[in-house]
Amino acid sequence: MDAKTVRDVIGEPESWPNFMYWECQKSQDMRGATIKEVFASGDQLAIQTKGAVCGDTFSTFVIEDKALRDRVMRILQPDLSVYEAVAAEI
């Protein structure tokens, strides 16, 4: 069985909702993006990125499984490439 990655949990970066810039909602270009900040509240995980072609982003995801949410959060460290982060095994 293949290992599960962060991508399997939160999807491809281009599909992430962006609550920072409305014009990038539908077609985000995440090339060059790095993780700026990650935090959790309840069953939600929030990710802020910087440096994407379309601009900085802010996305939230519901991850009900606390252990899974914590593992994803440990991987998403500041300054890590968004694409490197989503490829990481959980």
PDB file of N, CA and C in Angstrom:
ATOM      1  N   MET A   1       0.842  -1.186   0.000  1.00  0.00           N
ATOM      2  CA  MET A   1       0.000   0.000   0.000  1.00  0.00           C
ATOM      3  C   MET A   1       0.890   1.253   0.000  1.00  0.00           C
ATOM      4  N   ASP A   2       0.527   2.230  -0.817  1.00  0.00           N
ATOM      5  CA  ASP A   2       1.292   3.467  -0.894  1.00  0.00           C
ATOM      6  C   ASP A   2       1.099   4.297   0.373  1.00  0.00           C
ATOM      7  N   ALA A   3       2.131   5.025   0.733  1.00  0.00           N
ATOM      8  CA  ALA A   3       2.057   5.907   1.896  1.00  0.00           C
ATOM      9  C   ALA A   3       1.139   7.082   1.591  1.00  0.00           C
ATOM     10  N   LYS A   4       0.474   7.570   2.601  1.00  0.00           N
ATOM     11  CA  LYS A   4      -0.411   8.724   2.459  1.00  0.00           C
ATOM     12  C   LYS A   4       0.431   9.997   2.566  1.00  0.00           C
ATOM     13  N   THR A   5       0.105  10.978   1.743  1.00  0.00           N
ATOM     14  CA  THR A   5       0.820  12.252   1.761  1.00  0.00           C
ATOM     15  C   THR A   5      -0.109  13.363   2.232  1.00  0.00           C
ATOM     16  N   VAL A   6       0.477  14.519   2.518  1.00  0.00           N
ATOM     17  CA  VAL A   6      -0.315  15.694   2.884  1.00  0.00           C
ATOM     18  C   VAL A   6      -1.295  16.017   1.755  1.00  0.00           C
ATOM     19  N   ARG A   7      -0.863  15.849   0.511  1.00  0.00           N
ATOM     20  CA  ARG A   7      -1.715  16.097  -0.664  1.00  0.00           C
ATOM     21  C   ARG A   7      -3.006  15.273  -0.598  1.00  0.00           C
ATOM     22  N   ASP A   8      -2.912  14.038  -0.090  1.00  0.00           N
ATOM     23  CA  ASP A   8      -4.083  13.179   0.030  1.00  0.00           C
ATOM     24  C   ASP A   8      -5.105  13.738   1.023  1.00  0.00           C
ATOM     25  N   VAL A   9      -4.643  14.534   1.960  1.00  0.00           N
ATOM     26  CA  VAL A   9      -5.517  15.082   3.000  1.00  0.00           C
ATOM     27  C   VAL A   9      -6.095  16.438   2.602  1.00  0.00           C
ATOM     28  N   ILE A  10      -5.262  17.339   2.054  1.00  0.00           N
ATOM     29  CA  ILE A  10      -5.739  18.702   1.778  1.00  0.00           C
ATOM     30  C   ILE A  10      -5.760  19.064   0.293  1.00  0.00           C
ATOM     31  N   GLY A  11      -5.365  18.154  -0.563  1.00  0.00           N
ATOM     32  CA  GLY A  11      -5.455  18.390  -2.002  1.00  0.00           C
ATOM     33  C   GLY A  11      -4.266  19.133  -2.581  1.00  0.00           C
ATOM     34  N   GLU A  12      -4.365  19.363  -3.882  1.00  0.00           N
ATOM     35  CA  GLU A  12      -3.332  20.112  -4.610  1.00  0.00           C
ATOM     36  C   GLU A  12      -3.414  21.594  -4.230  1.00  0.00           C
ATOM     37  N   PRO A  13      -2.280  22.268  -4.094  1.00  0.00           N
ATOM     38  CA  PRO A  13      -2.294  23.683  -3.715  1.00  0.00           C
ATOM     39  C   PRO A  13      -3.168  24.563  -4.618  1.00  0.00           C
ATOM     40  N   GLU A  14      -3.239  24.254  -5.907  1.00  0.00           N
ATOM     41  CA  GLU A  14      -4.065  25.066  -6.816  1.00  0.00           C
ATOM     42  C   GLU A  14      -5.559  24.957  -6.497  1.00  0.00           C
ATOM     43  N   SER A  15      -5.937  23.914  -5.776  1.00  0.00           N
ATOM     44  CA  SER A  15      -7.360  23.725  -5.445  1.00  0.00           C
ATOM     45  C   SER A  15      -7.726  24.316  -4.083  1.00  0.00           C
ATOM     46  N   TRP A  16      -6.739  24.800  -3.344  1.00  0.00           N
ATOM     47  CA  TRP A  16      -7.018  25.324  -2.016  1.00  0.00           C
ATOM     48  C   TRP A  16      -7.871  26.589  -2.108  1.00  0.00           C
ATOM     49  N   PRO A  17      -8.842  26.732  -1.211  1.00  0.00           N
ATOM     50  CA  PRO A  17      -9.604  27.984  -1.179  1.00  0.00           C
ATOM     51  C   PRO A  17      -8.666  29.112  -0.742  1.00  0.00           C
ATOM     52  N   ASN A  18      -8.856  30.290  -1.296  1.00  0.00           N
ATOM     53  CA  ASN A  18      -8.017  31.427  -0.932  1.00  0.00           C
ATOM     54  C   ASN A  18      -8.905  32.537  -0.410  1.00  0.00           C
ATOM     55  N   PHE A  19      -8.837  32.771   0.870  1.00  0.00           N
ATOM     56  CA  PHE A  19      -9.675  33.789   1.487  1.00  0.00           C
ATOM     57  C   PHE A  19      -8.984  35.131   1.605  1.00  0.00           C
ATOM     58  N   MET A  20      -7.786  35.259   0.996  1.00  0.00           N
ATOM     59  CA  MET A  20      -7.050  36.517   1.068  1.00  0.00           C
ATOM     60  C   MET A  20      -7.302  37.387  -0.162  1.00  0.00           C
ATOM     61  N   TYR A  21      -7.296  36.788  -1.337  1.00  0.00           N
ATOM     62  CA  TYR A  21      -7.477  37.542  -2.573  1.00  0.00           C
ATOM     63  C   TYR A  21      -8.577  36.900  -3.399  1.00  0.00           C
ATOM     64  N   TRP A  22      -9.674  37.562  -3.518  1.00  0.00           N
ATOM     65  CA  TRP A  22     -10.835  37.015  -4.221  1.00  0.00           C
ATOM     66  C   TRP A  22     -10.517  36.657  -5.669  1.00  0.00           C
ATOM     67  N   GLU A  23      -9.712  37.471  -6.346  1.00  0.00           N
ATOM     68  CA  GLU A  23      -9.443  37.239  -7.767  1.00  0.00           C
ATOM     69  C   GLU A  23      -8.642  35.958  -8.008  1.00  0.00           C
ATOM     70  N   CYS A  24      -7.996  35.412  -6.999  1.00  0.00           N
ATOM     71  CA  CYS A  24      -7.232  34.172  -7.153  1.00  0.00           C
ATOM     72  C   CYS A  24      -8.031  32.954  -6.705  1.00  0.00           C
ATOM     73  N   GLN A  25      -9.286  33.115  -6.391  1.00  0.00           N
ATOM     74  CA  GLN A  25     -10.099  32.012  -5.880  1.00  0.00           C
ATOM     75  C   GLN A  25     -10.149  30.829  -6.833  1.00  0.00           C
ATOM     76  N   LYS A  26     -10.339  31.058  -8.113  1.00  0.00           N
ATOM     77  CA  LYS A  26     -10.593  29.973  -9.055  1.00  0.00           C
ATOM     78  C   LYS A  26      -9.347  29.363  -9.666  1.00  0.00           C
ATOM     79  N   SER A  27      -8.314  30.153  -9.905  1.00  0.00           N
ATOM     80  CA  SER A  27      -7.149  29.617 -10.602  1.00  0.00           C
ATOM     81  C   SER A  27      -5.866  30.133  -9.964  1.00  0.00           C
ATOM     82  N   GLN A  28      -5.540  29.567  -8.836  1.00  0.00           N
ATOM     83  CA  GLN A  28      -4.334  29.979  -8.135  1.00  0.00           C
ATOM     84  C   GLN A  28      -3.102  29.396  -8.822  1.00  0.00           C
ATOM     85  N   ASP A  29      -2.093  30.212  -8.956  1.00  0.00           N
ATOM     86  CA  ASP A  29      -0.798  29.745  -9.449  1.00  0.00           C
ATOM     87  C   ASP A  29       0.130  29.751  -8.254  1.00  0.00           C
ATOM     88  N   MET A  30       0.405  28.570  -7.715  1.00  0.00           N
ATOM     89  CA  MET A  30       1.151  28.456  -6.468  1.00  0.00           C
ATOM     90  C   MET A  30       2.656  28.253  -6.670  1.00  0.00           C
ATOM     91  N   ARG A  31       3.122  28.396  -7.927  1.00  0.00           N
ATOM     92  CA  ARG A  31       4.573  28.281  -8.151  1.00  0.00           C
ATOM     93  C   ARG A  31       5.310  29.295  -7.277  1.00  0.00           C
ATOM     94  N   GLY A  32       6.353  28.833  -6.619  1.00  0.00           N
ATOM     95  CA  GLY A  32       7.171  29.706  -5.778  1.00  0.00           C
ATOM     96  C   GLY A  32       6.641  29.917  -4.375  1.00  0.00           C
ATOM     97  N   ALA A  33       5.472  29.401  -4.072  1.00  0.00           N
ATOM     98  CA  ALA A  33       4.870  29.629  -2.758  1.00  0.00           C
ATOM     99  C   ALA A  33       5.563  28.827  -1.668  1.00  0.00           C
ATOM    100  N   THR A  34       5.682  29.456  -0.510  1.00  0.00           N
ATOM    101  CA  THR A  34       6.187  28.782   0.675  1.00  0.00           C
ATOM    102  C   THR A  34       5.190  28.972   1.815  1.00  0.00           C
ATOM    103  N   ILE A  35       5.273  28.088   2.776  1.00  0.00           N
ATOM    104  CA  ILE A  35       4.416  28.184   3.958  1.00  0.00           C
ATOM    105  C   ILE A  35       4.875  29.385   4.780  1.00  0.00           C
ATOM    106  N   LYS A  36       3.932  30.215   5.169  1.00  0.00           N
ATOM    107  CA  LYS A  36       4.252  31.356   6.029  1.00  0.00           C
ATOM    108  C   LYS A  36       3.864  31.052   7.470  1.00  0.00           C
ATOM    109  N   GLU A  37       2.649  30.536   7.657  1.00  0.00           N
ATOM    110  CA  GLU A  37       2.171  30.238   9.000  1.00  0.00           C
ATOM    111  C   GLU A  37       1.102  29.163   8.929  1.00  0.00           C
ATOM    112  N   VAL A  38       1.026  28.338   9.974  1.00  0.00           N
ATOM    113  CA  VAL A  38       0.021  27.290  10.074  1.00  0.00           C
ATOM    114  C   VAL A  38      -0.500  27.281  11.501  1.00  0.00           C
ATOM    115  N   PHE A  39      -1.813  27.190  11.641  1.00  0.00           N
ATOM    116  CA  PHE A  39      -2.369  27.049  12.987  1.00  0.00           C
ATOM    117  C   PHE A  39      -3.675  26.272  12.915  1.00  0.00           C
ATOM    118  N   ALA A  40      -4.047  25.710  14.057  1.00  0.00           N
ATOM    119  CA  ALA A  40      -5.271  24.920  14.144  1.00  0.00           C
ATOM    120  C   ALA A  40      -6.190  25.533  15.182  1.00  0.00           C
ATOM    121  N   SER A  41      -7.486  25.403  14.926  1.00  0.00           N
ATOM    122  CA  SER A  41      -8.509  25.824  15.868  1.00  0.00           C
ATOM    123  C   SER A  41      -9.669  24.859  15.717  1.00  0.00           C
ATOM    124  N   GLY A  42      -9.974  24.150  16.782  1.00  0.00           N
ATOM    125  CA  GLY A  42     -11.016  23.138  16.693  1.00  0.00           C
ATOM    126  C   GLY A  42     -10.613  22.097  15.672  1.00  0.00           C
ATOM    127  N   ASP A  43     -11.530  21.797  14.743  1.00  0.00           N
ATOM    128  CA  ASP A  43     -11.217  20.797  13.714  1.00  0.00           C
ATOM    129  C   ASP A  43     -10.696  21.424  12.428  1.00  0.00           C
ATOM    130  N   GLN A  44     -10.325  22.701  12.480  1.00  0.00           N
ATOM    131  CA  GLN A  44      -9.839  23.381  11.284  1.00  0.00           C
ATOM    132  C   GLN A  44      -8.337  23.627  11.341  1.00  0.00           C
ATOM    133  N   LEU A  45      -7.737  23.544  10.162  1.00  0.00           N
ATOM    134  CA  LEU A  45      -6.318  23.841   9.977  1.00  0.00           C
ATOM    135  C   LEU A  45      -6.246  25.015   9.008  1.00  0.00           C
ATOM    136  N   ALA A  46      -5.501  26.046   9.362  1.00  0.00           N
ATOM    137  CA  ALA A  46      -5.347  27.217   8.501  1.00  0.00           C
ATOM    138  C   ALA A  46      -3.901  27.310   8.030  1.00  0.00           C
ATOM    139  N   ILE A  47      -3.746  27.620   6.741  1.00  0.00           N
ATOM    140  CA  ILE A  47      -2.419  27.743   6.141  1.00  0.00           C
ATOM    141  C   ILE A  47      -2.327  29.088   5.433  1.00  0.00           C
ATOM    142  N   GLN A  48      -1.297  29.856   5.770  1.00  0.00           N
ATOM    143  CA  GLN A  48      -1.011  31.103   5.056  1.00  0.00           C
ATOM    144  C   GLN A  48       0.263  30.879   4.266  1.00  0.00           C
ATOM    145  N   THR A  49       0.251  31.268   2.989  1.00  0.00           N
ATOM    146  CA  THR A  49       1.444  31.133   2.162  1.00  0.00           C
ATOM    147  C   THR A  49       1.921  32.505   1.702  1.00  0.00           C
ATOM    148  N   LYS A  50       3.167  32.535   1.247  1.00  0.00           N
ATOM    149  CA  LYS A  50       3.730  33.765   0.673  1.00  0.00           C
ATOM    150  C   LYS A  50       4.470  33.395  -0.597  1.00  0.00           C
ATOM    151  N   GLY A  51       4.568  34.331  -1.504  1.00  0.00           N
ATOM    152  CA  GLY A  51       5.395  34.158  -2.690  1.00  0.00           C
ATOM    153  C   GLY A  51       4.771  33.448  -3.869  1.00  0.00           C
ATOM    154  N   ALA A  52       3.499  33.121  -3.816  1.00  0.00           N
ATOM    155  CA  ALA A  52       2.852  32.482  -4.967  1.00  0.00           C
ATOM    156  C   ALA A  52       2.750  33.490  -6.100  1.00  0.00           C
ATOM    157  N   VAL A  53       2.732  33.002  -7.332  1.00  0.00           N
ATOM    158  CA  VAL A  53       2.598  33.875  -8.494  1.00  0.00           C
ATOM    159  C   VAL A  53       1.340  34.733  -8.373  1.00  0.00           C
ATOM    160  N   CYS A  54       0.253  34.141  -7.870  1.00  0.00           N
ATOM    161  CA  CYS A  54      -1.009  34.891  -7.755  1.00  0.00           C
ATOM    162  C   CYS A  54      -1.071  35.732  -6.485  1.00  0.00           C
ATOM    163  N   GLY A  55      -0.051  35.677  -5.655  1.00  0.00           N
ATOM    164  CA  GLY A  55      -0.038  36.458  -4.425  1.00  0.00           C
ATOM    165  C   GLY A  55      -0.118  35.567  -3.195  1.00  0.00           C
ATOM    166  N   ASP A  56      -0.081  36.183  -2.030  1.00  0.00           N
ATOM    167  CA  ASP A  56      -0.170  35.439  -0.789  1.00  0.00           C
ATOM    168  C   ASP A  56      -1.552  34.806  -0.664  1.00  0.00           C
ATOM    169  N   THR A  57      -1.631  33.700   0.064  1.00  0.00           N
ATOM    170  CA  THR A  57      -2.910  33.007   0.212  1.00  0.00           C
ATOM    171  C   THR A  57      -3.181  32.699   1.676  1.00  0.00           C
ATOM    172  N   PHE A  58      -4.449  32.477   1.964  1.00  0.00           N
ATOM    173  CA  PHE A  58      -4.890  32.033   3.282  1.00  0.00           C
ATOM    174  C   PHE A  58      -5.992  31.021   3.047  1.00  0.00           C
ATOM    175  N   SER A  59      -5.774  29.785   3.497  1.00  0.00           N
ATOM    176  CA  SER A  59      -6.708  28.694   3.248  1.00  0.00           C
ATOM    177  C   SER A  59      -7.019  27.963   4.539  1.00  0.00           C
ATOM    178  N   THR A  60      -8.246  27.465   4.648  1.00  0.00           N
ATOM    179  CA  THR A  60      -8.618  26.658   5.806  1.00  0.00           C
ATOM    180  C   THR A  60      -9.172  25.320   5.335  1.00  0.00           C
ATOM    181  N   PHE A  61      -8.947  24.307   6.175  1.00  0.00           N
ATOM    182  CA  PHE A  61      -9.371  22.947   5.876  1.00  0.00           C
ATOM    183  C   PHE A  61      -9.945  22.323   7.135  1.00  0.00           C
ATOM    184  N   VAL A  62     -11.013  21.561   6.986  1.00  0.00           N
ATOM    185  CA  VAL A  62     -11.563  20.804   8.103  1.00  0.00           C
ATOM    186  C   VAL A  62     -10.903  19.427   8.080  1.00  0.00           C
ATOM    187  N   ILE A  63     -10.235  19.097   9.184  1.00  0.00           N
ATOM    188  CA  ILE A  63      -9.633  17.777   9.368  1.00  0.00           C
ATOM    189  C   ILE A  63     -10.109  17.305  10.735  1.00  0.00           C
ATOM    190  N   GLU A  64     -11.143  16.502  10.740  1.00  0.00           N
ATOM    191  CA  GLU A  64     -11.783  16.107  11.989  1.00  0.00           C
ATOM    192  C   GLU A  64     -10.906  15.224  12.868  1.00  0.00           C
ATOM    193  N   ASP A  65     -10.066  14.396  12.276  1.00  0.00           N
ATOM    194  CA  ASP A  65      -9.198  13.497  13.025  1.00  0.00           C
ATOM    195  C   ASP A  65      -8.043  14.305  13.621  1.00  0.00           C
ATOM    196  N   LYS A  66      -8.052  14.475  14.948  1.00  0.00           N
ATOM    197  CA  LYS A  66      -7.045  15.310  15.611  1.00  0.00           C
ATOM    198  C   LYS A  66      -5.627  14.800  15.370  1.00  0.00           C
ATOM    199  N   ALA A  67      -5.417  13.494  15.441  1.00  0.00           N
ATOM    200  CA  ALA A  67      -4.070  12.939  15.235  1.00  0.00           C
ATOM    201  C   ALA A  67      -3.575  13.243  13.822  1.00  0.00           C
ATOM    202  N   LEU A  68      -4.444  13.099  12.836  1.00  0.00           N
ATOM    203  CA  LEU A  68      -4.086  13.405  11.454  1.00  0.00           C
ATOM    204  C   LEU A  68      -3.806  14.893  11.294  1.00  0.00           C
ATOM    205  N   ARG A  69      -4.660  15.737  11.871  1.00  0.00           N
ATOM    206  CA  ARG A  69      -4.478  17.193  11.802  1.00  0.00           C
ATOM    207  C   ARG A  69      -3.133  17.581  12.415  1.00  0.00           C
ATOM    208  N   ASP A  70      -2.795  16.978  13.557  1.00  0.00           N
ATOM    209  CA  ASP A  70      -1.521  17.278  14.214  1.00  0.00           C
ATOM    210  C   ASP A  70      -0.336  16.848  13.359  1.00  0.00           C
ATOM    211  N   ARG A  71      -0.425  15.687  12.706  1.00  0.00           N
ATOM    212  CA  ARG A  71       0.677  15.221  11.845  1.00  0.00           C
ATOM    213  C   ARG A  71       0.867  16.159  10.654  1.00  0.00           C
ATOM    214  N   VAL A  72      -0.244  16.564  10.040  1.00  0.00           N
ATOM    215  CA  VAL A  72      -0.160  17.493   8.907  1.00  0.00           C
ATOM    216  C   VAL A  72       0.456  18.813   9.370  1.00  0.00           C
ATOM    217  N   MET A  73       0.031  19.288  10.513  1.00  0.00           N
ATOM    218  CA  MET A  73       0.527  20.564  11.025  1.00  0.00           C
ATOM    219  C   MET A  73       2.033  20.508  11.302  1.00  0.00           C
ATOM    220  N   ARG A  74       2.521  19.387  11.791  1.00  0.00           N
ATOM    221  CA  ARG A  74       3.965  19.254  12.057  1.00  0.00           C
ATOM    222  C   ARG A  74       4.779  19.316  10.768  1.00  0.00           C
ATOM    223  N   ILE A  75       4.205  18.855   9.675  1.00  0.00           N
ATOM    224  CA  ILE A  75       4.909  18.868   8.392  1.00  0.00           C
ATOM    225  C   ILE A  75       4.949  20.263   7.787  1.00  0.00           C
ATOM    226  N   LEU A  76       3.885  21.018   7.924  1.00  0.00           N
ATOM    227  CA  LEU A  76       3.754  22.329   7.283  1.00  0.00           C
ATOM    228  C   LEU A  76       4.498  23.405   8.070  1.00  0.00           C
ATOM    229  N   GLN A  77       5.802  23.429   7.904  1.00  0.00           N
ATOM    230  CA  GLN A  77       6.659  24.355   8.630  1.00  0.00           C
ATOM    231  C   GLN A  77       6.927  25.625   7.823  1.00  0.00           C
ATOM    232  N   PRO A  78       7.081  26.770   8.502  1.00  0.00           N
ATOM    233  CA  PRO A  78       7.392  28.018   7.808  1.00  0.00           C
ATOM    234  C   PRO A  78       8.609  27.876   6.900  1.00  0.00           C
ATOM    235  N   ASP A  79       8.522  28.532   5.753  1.00  0.00           N
ATOM    236  CA  ASP A  79       9.558  28.599   4.723  1.00  0.00           C
ATOM    237  C   ASP A  79       9.695  27.320   3.890  1.00  0.00           C
ATOM    238  N   LEU A  80       8.896  26.302   4.168  1.00  0.00           N
ATOM    239  CA  LEU A  80       8.908  25.084   3.375  1.00  0.00           C
ATOM    240  C   LEU A  80       8.118  25.323   2.088  1.00  0.00           C
ATOM    241  N   SER A  81       8.643  24.869   0.978  1.00  0.00           N
ATOM    242  CA  SER A  81       7.935  24.973  -0.295  1.00  0.00           C
ATOM    243  C   SER A  81       6.575  24.287  -0.174  1.00  0.00           C
ATOM    244  N   VAL A  82       5.547  24.913  -0.707  1.00  0.00           N
ATOM    245  CA  VAL A  82       4.197  24.335  -0.673  1.00  0.00           C
ATOM    246  C   VAL A  82       4.192  22.971  -1.359  1.00  0.00           C
ATOM    247  N   TYR A  83       4.882  22.842  -2.478  1.00  0.00           N
ATOM    248  CA  TYR A  83       4.894  21.574  -3.198  1.00  0.00           C
ATOM    249  C   TYR A  83       5.687  20.496  -2.464  1.00  0.00           C
ATOM    250  N   GLU A  84       6.748  20.897  -1.785  1.00  0.00           N
ATOM    251  CA  GLU A  84       7.483  19.942  -0.961  1.00  0.00           C
ATOM    252  C   GLU A  84       6.610  19.486   0.200  1.00  0.00           C
ATOM    253  N   ALA A  85       5.865  20.418   0.783  1.00  0.00           N
ATOM    254  CA  ALA A  85       4.996  20.098   1.918  1.00  0.00           C
ATOM    255  C   ALA A  85       3.911  19.103   1.542  1.00  0.00           C
ATOM    256  N   VAL A  86       3.224  19.316   0.422  1.00  0.00           N
ATOM    257  CA  VAL A  86       2.125  18.410   0.059  1.00  0.00           C
ATOM    258  C   VAL A  86       2.624  17.039  -0.378  1.00  0.00           C
ATOM    259  N   ALA A  87       3.894  16.932  -0.771  1.00  0.00           N
ATOM    260  CA  ALA A  87       4.457  15.650  -1.175  1.00  0.00           C
ATOM    261  C   ALA A  87       4.948  14.830   0.016  1.00  0.00           C
ATOM    262  N   ALA A  88       5.039  15.445   1.176  1.00  0.00           N
ATOM    263  CA  ALA A  88       5.574  14.758   2.358  1.00  0.00           C
ATOM    264  C   ALA A  88       4.631  13.645   2.818  1.00  0.00           C
ATOM    265  N   GLU A  89       5.231  12.540   3.209  1.00  0.00           N
ATOM    266  CA  GLU A  89       4.457  11.425   3.740  1.00  0.00           C
ATOM    267  C   GLU A  89       4.013  11.739   5.167  1.00  0.00           C
ATOM    268  N   ILE A  90       2.809  11.270   5.459  1.00  0.00           N
ATOM    269  CA  ILE A  90       2.260  11.461   6.799  1.00  0.00           C
ATOM    270  C   ILE A  90       2.545  10.214   7.617  1.00  0.00           C
TER     271      ILE A  90
END
